[in-house]
Amino acid sequence: IVPDGYVSNPTLGELLQEIKSKIQGLSIKDRLKAKLLKRIDRLERKVEEQRNLKASKMVTRLEKEIMKKAGKGRITDTDAGTLLDLLDRIEKAL
């Protein structure tokens, strides 16, 4: 029996798919979008290979890159905040 209002935690795969869809929905340059999606694909491979330490390091580097792009104005602060929140949830799920 599931209590009212209970929401199960999304799986790692669901989180990765969610961040991919968020990136695809961003209004940013196509090159930057492709670069971010490629990084997420690499992260997904590391997770599949059970290399969680490397995946965790990749998440940290990706967070830094997103903050840097947001600082330069290439990604809006709201979009950057959403992506960083998702990356944080992915890192916790590792």
C-alpha atoms as a PDB file:
ATOM      1  CA  ILE A   1       0.000   0.000   0.000  1.00  0.00           C
ATOM      2  CA  VAL A   2       1.394   3.349  -1.062  1.00  0.00           C
ATOM      3  CA  PRO A   3       0.634   6.396   1.118  1.00  0.00           C
ATOM      4  CA  ASP A   4      -1.042   9.402  -0.476  1.00  0.00           C
ATOM      5  CA  GLY A   5       1.364  11.862  -2.025  1.00  0.00           C
ATOM      6  CA  TYR A   6       4.178   9.311  -2.195  1.00  0.00           C
ATOM      7  CA  VAL A   7       6.403   9.778  -5.210  1.00  0.00           C
ATOM      8  CA  SER A   8       9.037   7.153  -5.889  1.00  0.00           C
ATOM      9  CA  ASN A   9      12.549   8.344  -6.595  1.00  0.00           C
ATOM     10  CA  PRO A  10      13.313   8.274 -10.310  1.00  0.00           C
ATOM     11  CA  THR A  11      15.908   5.771 -11.450  1.00  0.00           C
ATOM     12  CA  LEU A  12      19.275   6.846 -12.753  1.00  0.00           C
ATOM     13  CA  GLY A  13      18.187   6.062 -16.310  1.00  0.00           C
ATOM     14  CA  GLU A  14      15.072   8.204 -15.926  1.00  0.00           C
ATOM     15  CA  LEU A  15      17.152  11.100 -14.598  1.00  0.00           C
ATOM     16  CA  LEU A  16      19.560  10.840 -17.533  1.00  0.00           C
ATOM     17  CA  GLN A  17      16.646  10.838 -19.993  1.00  0.00           C
ATOM     18  CA  GLU A  18      15.112  13.818 -18.202  1.00  0.00           C
ATOM     19  CA  ILE A  19      18.316  15.876 -18.439  1.00  0.00           C
ATOM     20  CA  LYS A  20      18.644  14.972 -22.135  1.00  0.00           C
ATOM     21  CA  SER A  21      15.129  16.200 -22.842  1.00  0.00           C
ATOM     22  CA  LYS A  22      15.782  19.404 -20.846  1.00  0.00           C
ATOM     23  CA  ILE A  23      18.947  20.091 -22.860  1.00  0.00           C
ATOM     24  CA  GLN A  24      17.120  19.467 -26.146  1.00  0.00           C
ATOM     25  CA  GLY A  25      14.426  21.936 -25.081  1.00  0.00           C
ATOM     26  CA  LEU A  26      16.874  24.742 -24.280  1.00  0.00           C
ATOM     27  CA  SER A  27      17.030  27.780 -26.543  1.00  0.00           C
ATOM     28  CA  ILE A  28      20.801  27.769 -26.928  1.00  0.00           C
ATOM     29  CA  LYS A  29      23.167  27.407 -29.879  1.00  0.00           C
ATOM     30  CA  ASP A  30      23.053  24.025 -31.576  1.00  0.00           C
ATOM     31  CA  ARG A  31      26.792  23.469 -31.060  1.00  0.00           C
ATOM     32  CA  LEU A  32      26.514  23.952 -27.316  1.00  0.00           C
ATOM     33  CA  LYS A  33      23.428  21.744 -27.203  1.00  0.00           C
ATOM     34  CA  ALA A  34      25.244  18.976 -29.121  1.00  0.00           C
ATOM     35  CA  LYS A  35      28.286  19.275 -26.869  1.00  0.00           C
ATOM     36  CA  LEU A  36      26.200  18.949 -23.699  1.00  0.00           C
ATOM     37  CA  LEU A  37      24.264  15.979 -25.100  1.00  0.00           C
ATOM     38  CA  LYS A  38      27.524  14.265 -26.044  1.00  0.00           C
ATOM     39  CA  ARG A  39      28.787  14.714 -22.467  1.00  0.00           C
ATOM     40  CA  ILE A  40      25.554  13.210 -21.104  1.00  0.00           C
ATOM     41  CA  ASP A  41      25.933  10.240 -23.492  1.00  0.00           C
ATOM     42  CA  ARG A  42      29.452   9.634 -22.185  1.00  0.00           C
ATOM     43  CA  LEU A  43      28.159   9.872 -18.628  1.00  0.00           C
ATOM     44  CA  GLU A  44      25.461   7.335 -19.476  1.00  0.00           C
ATOM     45  CA  ARG A  45      28.102   4.908 -20.798  1.00  0.00           C
ATOM     46  CA  LYS A  46      30.160   5.239 -17.607  1.00  0.00           C
ATOM     47  CA  VAL A  47      27.080   4.468 -15.538  1.00  0.00           C
ATOM     48  CA  GLU A  48      26.312   1.406 -17.687  1.00  0.00           C
ATOM     49  CA  GLU A  49      29.895   0.209 -17.215  1.00  0.00           C
ATOM     50  CA  GLN A  50      29.437   0.514 -13.420  1.00  0.00           C
ATOM     51  CA  ARG A  51      32.242   3.093 -13.249  1.00  0.00           C
ATOM     52  CA  ASN A  52      30.534   5.295 -10.693  1.00  0.00           C
ATOM     53  CA  LEU A  53      33.657   7.131  -9.500  1.00  0.00           C
ATOM     54  CA  LYS A  54      34.458   8.289 -13.039  1.00  0.00           C
ATOM     55  CA  ALA A  55      30.795   9.125 -13.605  1.00  0.00           C
ATOM     56  CA  SER A  56      30.778  11.213 -10.428  1.00  0.00           C
ATOM     57  CA  LYS A  57      33.848  13.125 -11.621  1.00  0.00           C
ATOM     58  CA  MET A  58      32.169  13.687 -14.989  1.00  0.00           C
ATOM     59  CA  VAL A  59      29.093  15.113 -13.266  1.00  0.00           C
ATOM     60  CA  THR A  60      31.289  17.521 -11.301  1.00  0.00           C
ATOM     61  CA  ARG A  61      33.082  18.687 -14.460  1.00  0.00           C
ATOM     62  CA  LEU A  62      29.767  19.081 -16.273  1.00  0.00           C
ATOM     63  CA  GLU A  63      28.397  21.187 -13.398  1.00  0.00           C
ATOM     64  CA  LYS A  64      31.445  23.466 -13.624  1.00  0.00           C
ATOM     65  CA  GLU A  65      31.023  23.825 -17.385  1.00  0.00           C
ATOM     66  CA  ILE A  66      27.338  24.718 -17.051  1.00  0.00           C
ATOM     67  CA  MET A  67      28.129  27.352 -14.398  1.00  0.00           C
ATOM     68  CA  LYS A  68      30.838  28.774 -16.662  1.00  0.00           C
ATOM     69  CA  LYS A  69      28.455  28.944 -19.653  1.00  0.00           C
ATOM     70  CA  ALA A  70      25.795  30.561 -17.469  1.00  0.00           C
ATOM     71  CA  GLY A  71      28.345  33.130 -16.287  1.00  0.00           C
ATOM     72  CA  LYS A  72      29.097  34.004 -19.906  1.00  0.00           C
ATOM     73  CA  GLY A  73      25.383  34.275 -20.694  1.00  0.00           C
ATOM     74  CA  ARG A  74      25.262  31.317 -23.084  1.00  0.00           C
ATOM     75  CA  ILE A  75      22.750  29.521 -20.846  1.00  0.00           C
ATOM     76  CA  THR A  76      20.112  31.410 -18.873  1.00  0.00           C
ATOM     77  CA  ASP A  77      20.347  31.296 -15.092  1.00  0.00           C
ATOM     78  CA  THR A  78      17.002  29.488 -14.832  1.00  0.00           C
ATOM     79  CA  ASP A  79      18.024  26.793 -17.316  1.00  0.00           C
ATOM     80  CA  ALA A  80      21.402  26.430 -15.624  1.00  0.00           C
ATOM     81  CA  GLY A  81      19.697  26.050 -12.251  1.00  0.00           C
ATOM     82  CA  THR A  82      17.411  23.326 -13.611  1.00  0.00           C
ATOM     83  CA  LEU A  83      20.324  21.432 -15.176  1.00  0.00           C
ATOM     84  CA  LEU A  84      22.451  21.747 -12.038  1.00  0.00           C
ATOM     85  CA  ASP A  85      19.574  20.436  -9.925  1.00  0.00           C
ATOM     86  CA  LEU A  86      19.205  17.405 -12.204  1.00  0.00           C
ATOM     87  CA  LEU A  87      22.958  16.774 -12.162  1.00  0.00           C
ATOM     88  CA  ASP A  88      22.907  16.931  -8.372  1.00  0.00           C
ATOM     89  CA  ARG A  89      20.125  14.339  -8.287  1.00  0.00           C
ATOM     90  CA  ILE A  90      22.092  12.137 -10.726  1.00  0.00           C
ATOM     91  CA  GLU A  91      25.196  12.379  -8.560  1.00  0.00           C
ATOM     92  CA  LYS A  92      23.203  11.375  -5.472  1.00  0.00           C
ATOM     93  CA  ALA A  93      21.768   8.397  -7.359  1.00  0.00           C
ATOM     94  CA  LEU A  94      25.245   7.144  -8.254  1.00  0.00           C
END
